[in-house]
Amino acid sequence: MSSIPISRATLRKAARLTSALALTVGLGACQAQYRNHGYVPSAEELSQIAVGVDTRASVEEALGSTGAGSVAGDRGIYYVRSRVRSFAIREPEVVDRRVVAISFNDAGVVSNVESFGLERGRMVPLTRRVTSSPSDDKPFLNQLLGNLGRIGPSGLGSPE
């Protein structure tokens, strides 16, 4: 058997090619990877929900059911979407989170639709649609002081 002579120039080209390939694979492994979890309805979908009109059933029909219920029972529905970044050997980091909270009153009718976002690591309200009540027009101190003298011995109504 005879061996095929390989020139030094060919060996250098092969070494450069192997080095470039190893560097490309190595840098590619260090690229951040993103995972999306959950679902949040779009603003267009949320605009279909009428505060004071829609019920839990109509909300779930329009937006779909959610895996997260309210801790307080049937008082709310929560839609949550998170985006998590994984980078090399670092711990995964939540880079974006959106939460839509739809609250219901005692009759099961939508009383509030709120959207929250993750800004600088803190949850902050982005939008809010709330049913207005007669007390919304009065300042807090007027509401508080206005009840002085209206409380009877049983705690209900005014004394007679």
Protein backbone atom coordinates (compact mmCIF):
# COMPACT_ATOMS: atom_id res chain seq x y z
CA MET A 1 0.00 0.00 0.00
CA SER A 2 1.20 3.41 -0.80
CA SER A 3 0.35 6.54 1.10
CA ILE A 4 -0.88 9.68 -0.58
CA PRO A 5 1.33 12.65 0.16
CA ILE A 6 -0.53 15.63 1.72
CA SER A 7 0.96 19.05 1.40
CA ARG A 8 1.34 21.45 4.28
CA ALA A 9 -0.97 23.94 2.56
CA THR A 10 -3.76 21.35 2.43
CA LEU A 11 -3.29 20.55 6.13
CA ARG A 12 -3.49 24.25 7.02
CA LYS A 13 -6.70 24.68 5.01
CA ALA A 14 -8.22 21.64 6.72
CA ALA A 15 -7.19 22.98 10.16
CA ARG A 16 -8.71 26.41 9.40
CA LEU A 17 -11.93 24.85 8.14
CA THR A 18 -12.18 22.63 11.24
CA SER A 19 -11.50 25.61 13.53
CA ALA A 20 -14.13 27.74 11.78
CA LEU A 21 -16.67 24.92 12.01
CA ALA A 22 -15.95 24.39 15.73
CA LEU A 23 -16.23 28.13 16.41
CA THR A 24 -19.56 28.36 14.55
CA VAL A 25 -21.02 25.41 16.45
CA GLY A 26 -19.69 26.76 19.76
CA LEU A 27 -21.13 30.23 19.26
CA GLY A 28 -24.43 28.80 18.07
CA ALA A 29 -24.77 26.91 21.34
CA CYS A 30 -24.46 30.20 23.25
CA GLN A 31 -27.38 31.82 21.45
CA ALA A 32 -30.37 32.71 23.62
CA GLN A 33 -33.42 30.51 23.18
CA TYR A 34 -36.97 31.70 23.89
CA ARG A 35 -40.01 29.72 25.03
CA ASN A 36 -43.57 31.01 25.09
CA HIS A 37 -46.04 29.68 27.65
CA GLY A 38 -49.74 30.37 27.98
CA TYR A 39 -52.27 32.49 26.12
CA VAL A 40 -53.56 36.06 26.42
CA PRO A 41 -56.43 37.32 24.25
CA SER A 42 -55.68 40.22 21.93
CA ALA A 43 -57.06 43.71 22.50
CA GLU A 44 -59.51 43.08 19.66
CA GLU A 45 -60.80 39.93 21.37
CA LEU A 46 -61.06 41.71 24.73
CA SER A 47 -63.08 44.53 23.15
CA GLN A 48 -65.84 41.96 22.52
CA ILE A 49 -66.32 41.57 26.29
CA ALA A 50 -68.91 44.03 27.64
CA VAL A 51 -68.50 45.01 31.29
CA GLY A 52 -71.85 44.70 33.07
CA VAL A 53 -73.32 42.52 30.29
CA ASP A 54 -71.26 39.38 29.64
CA THR A 55 -71.27 36.37 31.95
CA ARG A 56 -68.60 33.77 32.73
CA ALA A 57 -70.07 31.42 30.09
CA SER A 58 -70.09 34.08 27.36
CA VAL A 59 -66.51 35.11 28.22
CA GLU A 60 -65.27 31.50 28.01
CA GLU A 61 -67.16 31.05 24.74
CA ALA A 62 -65.63 34.20 23.23
CA LEU A 63 -62.07 33.84 24.58
CA GLY A 64 -61.76 30.17 25.44
CA SER A 65 -61.35 28.57 28.83
CA THR A 66 -58.24 29.08 30.88
CA GLY A 67 -56.12 26.79 33.00
CA ALA A 68 -55.89 29.34 35.81
CA GLY A 69 -58.93 30.09 37.91
CA SER A 70 -59.39 32.53 40.69
CA VAL A 71 -58.03 31.77 44.15
CA ALA A 72 -61.24 33.31 45.48
CA GLY A 73 -63.46 30.79 43.66
CA ASP A 74 -65.60 31.89 40.72
CA ARG A 75 -64.82 35.58 41.13
CA GLY A 76 -62.41 35.79 38.19
CA ILE A 77 -60.70 34.31 35.15
CA TYR A 78 -57.00 34.87 34.46
CA TYR A 79 -55.20 34.54 31.13
CA VAL A 80 -51.41 34.45 31.49
CA ARG A 81 -48.65 34.44 28.86
CA SER A 82 -44.94 34.34 29.70
CA ARG A 83 -41.85 34.52 27.52
CA VAL A 84 -38.79 32.85 29.05
CA ARG A 85 -35.20 33.29 27.83
CA SER A 86 -32.62 30.54 28.34
CA PHE A 87 -29.00 31.44 27.68
CA ALA A 88 -26.18 28.89 27.92
CA ILE A 89 -25.81 27.66 31.49
CA ARG A 90 -27.60 30.61 33.11
CA GLU A 91 -30.90 30.17 34.93
CA PRO A 92 -33.94 30.81 32.67
CA GLU A 93 -35.31 34.36 32.99
CA VAL A 94 -38.87 35.62 32.43
CA VAL A 95 -38.46 38.51 29.98
CA ASP A 96 -42.13 39.26 29.34
CA ARG A 97 -45.37 38.42 31.10
CA ARG A 98 -48.90 39.52 30.28
CA VAL A 99 -51.88 38.84 32.52
CA VAL A 100 -55.52 39.57 31.71
CA ALA A 101 -57.82 39.42 34.75
CA ILE A 102 -61.58 39.34 34.21
CA SER A 103 -63.56 39.77 37.44
CA PHE A 104 -67.21 38.89 38.05
CA ASN A 105 -69.73 40.27 40.53
CA ASP A 106 -71.95 38.12 42.78
CA ALA A 107 -74.44 37.65 39.92
CA GLY A 108 -71.70 36.21 37.67
CA VAL A 109 -71.59 39.24 35.36
CA VAL A 110 -68.30 40.82 34.23
CA SER A 111 -67.43 43.71 36.56
CA ASN A 112 -63.83 44.41 35.56
CA VAL A 113 -61.32 43.66 32.78
CA GLU A 114 -57.67 44.46 33.54
CA SER A 115 -54.40 43.85 31.70
CA PHE A 116 -51.04 43.72 33.48
CA GLY A 117 -47.50 43.61 32.11
CA LEU A 118 -44.06 42.86 33.49
CA GLU A 119 -42.09 46.11 33.50
CA ARG A 120 -38.66 46.19 35.11
CA GLY A 121 -39.44 42.98 36.97
CA ARG A 122 -42.70 44.28 38.49
CA MET A 123 -46.30 43.65 37.50
CA VAL A 124 -47.97 46.91 36.42
CA PRO A 125 -51.50 47.61 35.16
CA LEU A 126 -51.66 48.28 31.42
CA THR A 127 -55.42 48.75 30.93
CA ARG A 128 -58.48 48.70 33.14
CA ARG A 129 -62.23 48.65 32.42
CA VAL A 130 -64.34 48.77 35.58
CA THR A 131 -68.05 49.02 36.21
CA SER A 132 -68.74 52.41 37.73
CA SER A 133 -70.60 52.66 41.03
CA PRO A 134 -72.32 55.65 42.62
CA SER A 135 -69.44 55.99 45.10
CA ASP A 136 -66.90 56.49 42.28
CA ASP A 137 -67.90 60.16 42.02
CA LYS A 138 -67.26 60.92 45.71
CA PRO A 139 -63.82 61.39 47.23
CA PHE A 140 -62.73 58.77 49.76
CA LEU A 141 -62.98 61.10 52.78
CA ASN A 142 -66.54 62.10 51.84
CA GLN A 143 -67.49 58.42 51.63
CA LEU A 144 -65.85 57.69 54.98
CA LEU A 145 -67.19 60.72 56.87
CA GLY A 146 -70.60 60.50 55.22
CA ASN A 147 -71.30 57.24 57.04
CA LEU A 148 -70.74 58.70 60.52
CA GLY A 149 -74.11 58.77 62.27
CA ARG A 150 -75.76 56.35 59.84
CA ILE A 151 -74.69 53.27 61.77
CA GLY A 152 -77.17 51.88 64.27
CA PRO A 153 -76.61 49.49 67.19
CA SER A 154 -76.83 46.44 64.93
CA GLY A 155 -74.40 47.99 62.45
CA LEU A 156 -77.12 48.20 59.79
CA GLY A 157 -78.88 51.36 58.76
CA SER A 158 -79.38 54.49 60.84
CA PRO A 159 -80.49 54.47 64.48
CA GLU A 160 -84.23 55.03 64.98
